[in-house]
Amino acid sequence: MLYAIISEDVKNSLERRMAARPDHLARLEKLRDEGRLILAGPHPAVDSDNPGDAGFSGSLVVAEFDDLSAAQSWADADPFVIAGVYAKVTVKPFKKVLP
């Protein structure tokens, strides 16, 4: 089943985010290579593809996991969680309708 992992950054997270980004991306690339990643990306803190020093306000990952517990465990082990980038992470089932 698909799960949405919706994360909200702490204030001024950009430096922590950039430091943990290589490990965070490696985990996402593994999901992609396994054919389980639907989409992933950050929410810019301002209305721009390149928010510069404004940074990001959070992230969204939609991926396939065996169950909610597996999705939650994966989210809990995210390098951004460990580095203190995220203030809150919500994991919930997701049903893809379109496209």
C-alpha atoms as a PDB file:
ATOM      1  CA  MET A   1       0.000   0.000   0.000  1.00  0.00           C
ATOM      2  CA  LEU A   2       1.056   3.602  -0.489  1.00  0.00           C
ATOM      3  CA  TYR A   3       1.809   5.920   2.431  1.00  0.00           C
ATOM      4  CA  ALA A   4       2.298   9.681   2.605  1.00  0.00           C
ATOM      5  CA  ILE A   5       5.065  10.882   4.882  1.00  0.00           C
ATOM      6  CA  ILE A   6       4.445  14.562   5.592  1.00  0.00           C
ATOM      7  CA  SER A   7       7.202  16.333   7.483  1.00  0.00           C
ATOM      8  CA  GLU A   8       7.443  19.838   8.906  1.00  0.00           C
ATOM      9  CA  ASP A   9      10.823  21.478   9.463  1.00  0.00           C
ATOM     10  CA  VAL A  10      11.981  23.237  12.586  1.00  0.00           C
ATOM     11  CA  LYS A  11      12.715  26.940  12.110  1.00  0.00           C
ATOM     12  CA  ASN A  12      16.052  27.731  10.484  1.00  0.00           C
ATOM     13  CA  SER A  13      16.583  24.126   9.379  1.00  0.00           C
ATOM     14  CA  LEU A  14      18.581  24.839   6.223  1.00  0.00           C
ATOM     15  CA  GLU A  15      22.072  24.180   7.625  1.00  0.00           C
ATOM     16  CA  ARG A  16      21.006  20.908   9.284  1.00  0.00           C
ATOM     17  CA  ARG A  17      19.060  19.939   6.177  1.00  0.00           C
ATOM     18  CA  MET A  18      22.033  20.440   3.877  1.00  0.00           C
ATOM     19  CA  ALA A  19      24.362  18.478   6.178  1.00  0.00           C
ATOM     20  CA  ALA A  20      22.030  15.452   6.312  1.00  0.00           C
ATOM     21  CA  ARG A  21      20.867  15.669   2.688  1.00  0.00           C
ATOM     22  CA  PRO A  22      23.275  13.101   1.133  1.00  0.00           C
ATOM     23  CA  ASP A  23      22.142  10.365   3.548  1.00  0.00           C
ATOM     24  CA  HIS A  24      18.483  11.407   3.182  1.00  0.00           C
ATOM     25  CA  LEU A  25      18.728  11.216  -0.628  1.00  0.00           C
ATOM     26  CA  ALA A  26      20.486   7.835  -0.502  1.00  0.00           C
ATOM     27  CA  ARG A  27      17.496   6.332   1.334  1.00  0.00           C
ATOM     28  CA  LEU A  28      15.076   7.833  -1.193  1.00  0.00           C
ATOM     29  CA  GLU A  29      17.179   6.541  -4.086  1.00  0.00           C
ATOM     30  CA  LYS A  30      17.030   3.052  -2.572  1.00  0.00           C
ATOM     31  CA  LEU A  31      13.205   3.241  -2.499  1.00  0.00           C
ATOM     32  CA  ARG A  32      13.274   4.474  -6.108  1.00  0.00           C
ATOM     33  CA  ASP A  33      15.580   1.669  -7.205  1.00  0.00           C
ATOM     34  CA  GLU A  34      13.237  -0.855  -5.551  1.00  0.00           C
ATOM     35  CA  GLY A  35      10.315   0.646  -7.533  1.00  0.00           C
ATOM     36  CA  ARG A  36       8.553   1.788  -4.346  1.00  0.00           C
ATOM     37  CA  LEU A  37       8.943   5.582  -4.562  1.00  0.00           C
ATOM     38  CA  ILE A  38       6.074   7.515  -6.155  1.00  0.00           C
ATOM     39  CA  LEU A  39       7.349  11.021  -5.413  1.00  0.00           C
ATOM     40  CA  ALA A  40       9.482  12.936  -2.965  1.00  0.00           C
ATOM     41  CA  GLY A  41      10.512  16.518  -2.454  1.00  0.00           C
ATOM     42  CA  PRO A  42      10.713  19.506  -0.156  1.00  0.00           C
ATOM     43  CA  HIS A  43       8.271  22.356   0.406  1.00  0.00           C
ATOM     44  CA  PRO A  44      10.090  25.647  -0.288  1.00  0.00           C
ATOM     45  CA  ALA A  45       9.528  28.185   2.503  1.00  0.00           C
ATOM     46  CA  VAL A  46       8.786  30.848  -0.126  1.00  0.00           C
ATOM     47  CA  ASP A  47       7.035  30.752  -3.489  1.00  0.00           C
ATOM     48  CA  SER A  48      10.106  29.765  -5.501  1.00  0.00           C
ATOM     49  CA  ASP A  49      11.760  26.630  -6.870  1.00  0.00           C
ATOM     50  CA  ASN A  50      15.010  27.960  -5.409  1.00  0.00           C
ATOM     51  CA  PRO A  51      14.197  29.498  -2.014  1.00  0.00           C
ATOM     52  CA  GLY A  52      17.822  30.342  -1.216  1.00  0.00           C
ATOM     53  CA  ASP A  53      18.390  31.295   2.420  1.00  0.00           C
ATOM     54  CA  ALA A  54      14.626  31.027   3.142  1.00  0.00           C
ATOM     55  CA  GLY A  55      15.095  27.261   2.972  1.00  0.00           C
ATOM     56  CA  PHE A  56      12.285  24.765   3.267  1.00  0.00           C
ATOM     57  CA  SER A  57       9.273  24.293   5.507  1.00  0.00           C
ATOM     58  CA  GLY A  58       9.026  20.515   5.204  1.00  0.00           C
ATOM     59  CA  SER A  59       8.923  17.537   2.860  1.00  0.00           C
ATOM     60  CA  LEU A  60       6.561  15.048   1.265  1.00  0.00           C
ATOM     61  CA  VAL A  61       7.317  11.429   0.406  1.00  0.00           C
ATOM     62  CA  VAL A  62       4.788   9.049  -1.117  1.00  0.00           C
ATOM     63  CA  ALA A  63       6.049   5.479  -1.252  1.00  0.00           C
ATOM     64  CA  GLU A  64       4.969   1.865  -1.006  1.00  0.00           C
ATOM     65  CA  PHE A  65       5.436  -0.050   2.247  1.00  0.00           C
ATOM     66  CA  ASP A  66       4.080  -3.355   3.538  1.00  0.00           C
ATOM     67  CA  ASP A  67       2.009  -1.633   6.209  1.00  0.00           C
ATOM     68  CA  LEU A  68       1.682   1.511   8.323  1.00  0.00           C
ATOM     69  CA  SER A  69       4.156   0.221  10.887  1.00  0.00           C
ATOM     70  CA  ALA A  70       6.832  -0.289   8.220  1.00  0.00           C
ATOM     71  CA  ALA A  71       6.217   3.185   6.806  1.00  0.00           C
ATOM     72  CA  GLN A  72       6.438   4.729  10.270  1.00  0.00           C
ATOM     73  CA  SER A  73       9.656   2.859  11.052  1.00  0.00           C
ATOM     74  CA  TRP A  74      11.185   4.030   7.783  1.00  0.00           C
ATOM     75  CA  ALA A  75      10.159   7.635   8.509  1.00  0.00           C
ATOM     76  CA  ASP A  76      11.499   7.464  12.076  1.00  0.00           C
ATOM     77  CA  ALA A  77      14.943   6.443  10.789  1.00  0.00           C
ATOM     78  CA  ASP A  78      15.200   9.323   8.299  1.00  0.00           C
ATOM     79  CA  PRO A  79      18.516  11.194   8.569  1.00  0.00           C
ATOM     80  CA  PHE A  80      16.529  14.452   8.694  1.00  0.00           C
ATOM     81  CA  VAL A  81      14.751  13.181  11.833  1.00  0.00           C
ATOM     82  CA  ILE A  82      18.061  12.164  13.395  1.00  0.00           C
ATOM     83  CA  ALA A  83      19.660  15.534  12.498  1.00  0.00           C
ATOM     84  CA  GLY A  84      16.783  17.509  14.030  1.00  0.00           C
ATOM     85  CA  VAL A  85      15.542  18.947  10.717  1.00  0.00           C
ATOM     86  CA  TYR A  86      11.941  17.877  11.294  1.00  0.00           C
ATOM     87  CA  ALA A  87       9.748  19.172  14.098  1.00  0.00           C
ATOM     88  CA  LYS A  88       6.877  16.835  13.175  1.00  0.00           C
ATOM     89  CA  VAL A  89       6.388  13.815  10.909  1.00  0.00           C
ATOM     90  CA  THR A  90       2.970  12.421  10.012  1.00  0.00           C
ATOM     91  CA  VAL A  91       2.610   9.055   8.273  1.00  0.00           C
ATOM     92  CA  LYS A  92      -0.729   7.989   6.831  1.00  0.00           C
ATOM     93  CA  PRO A  93      -2.158   5.705   4.169  1.00  0.00           C
ATOM     94  CA  PHE A  94      -2.459   7.237   0.710  1.00  0.00           C
ATOM     95  CA  LYS A  95      -4.706   6.179  -2.167  1.00  0.00           C
ATOM     96  CA  LYS A  96      -3.487   7.298  -5.576  1.00  0.00           C
ATOM     97  CA  VAL A  97      -6.378   8.223  -7.851  1.00  0.00           C
ATOM     98  CA  LEU A  98      -4.790  10.361 -10.599  1.00  0.00           C
ATOM     99  CA  PRO A  99      -2.858  10.337 -12.829  1.00  0.00           C
END
